[in-house]
Amino acid sequence: MTFAPSPGTGASTSPERRFPGAYFLVSGAAMLAGFPLFLAVLVAPFPLGWVLIFLACFCLFFNTGPTNTILANVTHPSMRAAGFALNIFVIHLLGDVISPVVIGVLSDKYSMEAGFFVVGIMFLAAGLLWLLGARHLRRDTELAPNRLPAFPAVASAPPS
């Protein structure tokens, strides 16, 4: 899915000029569009299932470009690298680290479909959270450069 982030960024950059929350809206819309595709995979016969998996994954990764842009825009420049590092840690912790465990536990207790359905609910949760964030983007972007206090330059110690 390496090509999904580029269209996501392109789809949100033009509207961003007119509506500052477009990065969030595009991300939210992609996640909401991906949810029914993800559910359809659970019931579709194969090889149609492969097409649905592709489309669901495309929607899932469509937000990567816009969300990286959001993160870069709302993080103070001196904290940007740490912000991206924390973001990568959290998405892996809540994604590929815990998902197999959640699916396995639910699969053992109920069914594999139930496990995937619960994980699929995260499509909806993410989509709704992205949509809710849209109204805050302009203000957060404007405040980002001024969020940290200016620290005086540290004088270097004289050589001994």
Protein backbone atom coordinates (compact mmCIF):
# COMPACT_ATOMS: atom_id res chain seq x y z
CA MET A 1 0.00 0.00 0.00
CA THR A 2 2.92 2.33 -0.58
CA PHE A 3 1.01 4.34 -3.17
CA ALA A 4 -2.09 5.10 -1.03
CA PRO A 5 -0.53 7.95 1.03
CA SER A 6 0.29 10.05 -2.05
CA PRO A 7 -3.30 10.26 -3.35
CA GLY A 8 -4.42 10.96 0.22
CA THR A 9 -2.11 13.93 0.45
CA GLY A 10 -3.13 15.13 -3.01
CA ALA A 11 -6.82 14.75 -2.24
CA SER A 12 -6.50 16.91 0.87
CA THR A 13 -3.99 19.55 -0.24
CA SER A 14 -6.24 21.40 -2.73
CA PRO A 15 -9.27 21.63 -0.41
CA GLU A 16 -6.95 22.59 2.48
CA ARG A 17 -6.53 26.02 0.91
CA ARG A 18 -10.29 26.63 1.21
CA PHE A 19 -11.03 24.60 4.32
CA PRO A 20 -8.25 24.24 6.90
CA GLY A 21 -9.58 20.94 8.25
CA ALA A 22 -9.40 19.12 4.90
CA TYR A 23 -6.53 16.89 6.00
CA PHE A 24 -8.73 15.58 8.80
CA LEU A 25 -11.82 15.32 6.59
CA VAL A 26 -10.05 13.31 3.91
CA SER A 27 -8.56 10.99 6.54
CA GLY A 28 -11.92 10.54 8.25
CA ALA A 29 -13.80 9.93 5.02
CA ALA A 30 -11.27 7.30 3.92
CA MET A 31 -11.55 5.43 7.21
CA LEU A 32 -15.35 5.52 7.11
CA ALA A 33 -15.31 4.30 3.50
CA GLY A 34 -12.94 1.49 4.44
CA PHE A 35 -15.16 0.09 7.21
CA PRO A 36 -17.85 -1.49 5.01
CA LEU A 37 -15.14 -2.81 2.68
CA PHE A 38 -13.44 -4.44 5.66
CA LEU A 39 -16.72 -6.02 6.79
CA ALA A 40 -17.43 -7.25 3.26
CA VAL A 41 -14.15 -9.18 3.32
CA LEU A 42 -15.55 -11.29 6.15
CA VAL A 43 -18.44 -12.58 4.03
CA ALA A 44 -17.27 -12.28 0.43
CA PRO A 45 -16.20 -15.33 -1.56
CA PHE A 46 -12.68 -15.41 -2.91
CA PRO A 47 -11.24 -14.17 -5.28
CA LEU A 48 -13.61 -11.19 -4.75
CA GLY A 49 -12.29 -11.06 -1.18
CA TRP A 50 -8.85 -10.11 -2.49
CA VAL A 51 -10.28 -7.07 -4.27
CA LEU A 52 -12.09 -6.03 -1.09
CA ILE A 53 -8.92 -6.52 0.98
CA PHE A 54 -7.03 -4.30 -1.45
CA LEU A 55 -9.70 -1.57 -1.30
CA ALA A 56 -10.00 -1.73 2.50
CA CYS A 57 -6.21 -1.49 2.89
CA PHE A 58 -6.10 1.37 0.39
CA CYS A 59 -8.64 3.27 2.53
CA LEU A 60 -6.73 2.38 5.69
CA PHE A 61 -3.46 3.80 4.35
CA PHE A 62 -5.02 6.71 2.42
CA ASN A 63 -4.74 8.86 5.54
CA THR A 64 -0.99 8.40 6.04
CA GLY A 65 0.04 11.43 3.97
CA PRO A 66 -2.56 13.84 5.38
CA THR A 67 -1.99 12.73 8.97
CA ASN A 68 1.78 13.09 8.68
CA THR A 69 1.16 16.59 7.34
CA ILE A 70 -1.12 17.35 10.29
CA LEU A 71 1.49 16.10 12.74
CA ALA A 72 4.24 18.17 11.10
CA ASN A 73 2.06 21.29 11.06
CA VAL A 74 0.87 21.17 14.67
CA THR A 75 4.15 20.20 16.33
CA HIS A 76 6.69 22.78 17.42
CA PRO A 77 9.71 22.49 15.11
CA SER A 78 12.06 21.57 17.96
CA MET A 79 9.74 18.71 19.00
CA ARG A 80 8.81 17.42 15.55
CA ALA A 81 11.19 14.45 15.49
CA ALA A 82 10.06 13.36 18.94
CA GLY A 83 6.45 13.81 17.87
CA PHE A 84 6.90 11.53 14.87
CA ALA A 85 8.77 8.97 16.98
CA LEU A 86 5.97 8.90 19.56
CA ASN A 87 3.38 8.64 16.79
CA ILE A 88 5.13 5.64 15.23
CA PHE A 89 5.44 3.97 18.63
CA VAL A 90 1.75 4.45 19.47
CA ILE A 91 0.39 3.33 16.09
CA HIS A 92 2.41 0.12 16.32
CA LEU A 93 1.51 -0.44 19.97
CA LEU A 94 -2.21 -0.03 19.29
CA GLY A 95 -2.06 -1.63 15.85
CA ASP A 96 0.16 -4.52 14.92
CA VAL A 97 1.25 -5.29 18.49
CA ILE A 98 -2.13 -5.72 20.15
CA SER A 99 -4.38 -6.60 17.20
CA PRO A 100 -3.28 -10.26 16.89
CA VAL A 101 -3.86 -10.74 20.62
CA VAL A 102 -7.31 -9.15 20.49
CA ILE A 103 -8.30 -11.15 17.42
CA GLY A 104 -6.95 -14.36 18.97
CA VAL A 105 -8.77 -13.94 22.28
CA LEU A 106 -12.05 -13.05 20.58
CA SER A 107 -11.61 -15.84 18.06
CA ASP A 108 -11.08 -18.40 20.83
CA LYS A 109 -14.07 -17.15 22.80
CA TYR A 110 -16.49 -16.40 19.92
CA SER A 111 -15.30 -16.68 16.32
CA MET A 112 -12.67 -15.36 13.94
CA GLU A 113 -15.31 -13.09 12.36
CA ALA A 114 -16.12 -11.59 15.77
CA GLY A 115 -12.44 -10.88 16.34
CA PHE A 116 -12.06 -9.13 13.00
CA PHE A 117 -15.33 -7.25 13.47
CA VAL A 118 -14.16 -5.76 16.79
CA VAL A 119 -10.84 -4.74 15.27
CA GLY A 120 -12.76 -3.33 12.28
CA ILE A 121 -14.69 -1.05 14.64
CA MET A 122 -11.43 0.88 14.89
CA PHE A 123 -12.07 2.03 11.30
CA LEU A 124 -15.18 3.78 12.59
CA ALA A 125 -13.53 5.13 15.72
CA ALA A 126 -10.61 6.54 13.71
CA GLY A 127 -12.90 8.04 11.09
CA LEU A 128 -15.02 9.80 13.71
CA LEU A 129 -11.97 11.09 15.58
CA TRP A 130 -10.47 12.47 12.36
CA LEU A 131 -13.73 14.25 11.56
CA LEU A 132 -13.93 15.73 15.06
CA GLY A 133 -10.36 17.03 14.78
CA ALA A 134 -11.04 19.04 11.61
CA ARG A 135 -12.30 22.13 13.41
CA HIS A 136 -9.15 22.42 15.54
CA LEU A 137 -6.51 22.21 12.82
CA ARG A 138 -6.24 25.88 11.83
CA ARG A 139 -5.81 27.09 15.41
CA ASP A 140 -3.37 24.34 16.33
CA THR A 141 -1.30 25.00 13.21
CA GLU A 142 -1.13 28.71 14.00
CA LEU A 143 -0.09 28.05 17.61
CA ALA A 144 2.54 25.39 16.87
CA PRO A 145 5.55 27.71 16.37
CA ASN A 146 4.81 29.55 19.62
CA ARG A 147 3.90 26.71 21.97
CA LEU A 148 7.28 26.29 23.66
CA PRO A 149 8.96 29.11 25.58
CA ALA A 150 12.13 30.49 24.12
CA PHE A 151 15.18 29.30 26.03
CA PRO A 152 18.29 31.48 26.20
CA ALA A 153 21.26 30.14 24.35
CA VAL A 154 23.59 28.15 26.56
CA ALA A 155 27.04 29.70 26.63
CA SER A 156 29.77 27.23 25.99
CA ALA A 157 32.23 26.69 28.81
CA PRO A 158 35.68 28.13 28.32
CA PRO A 159 38.32 25.55 27.49
CA SER A 160 40.31 24.37 30.50
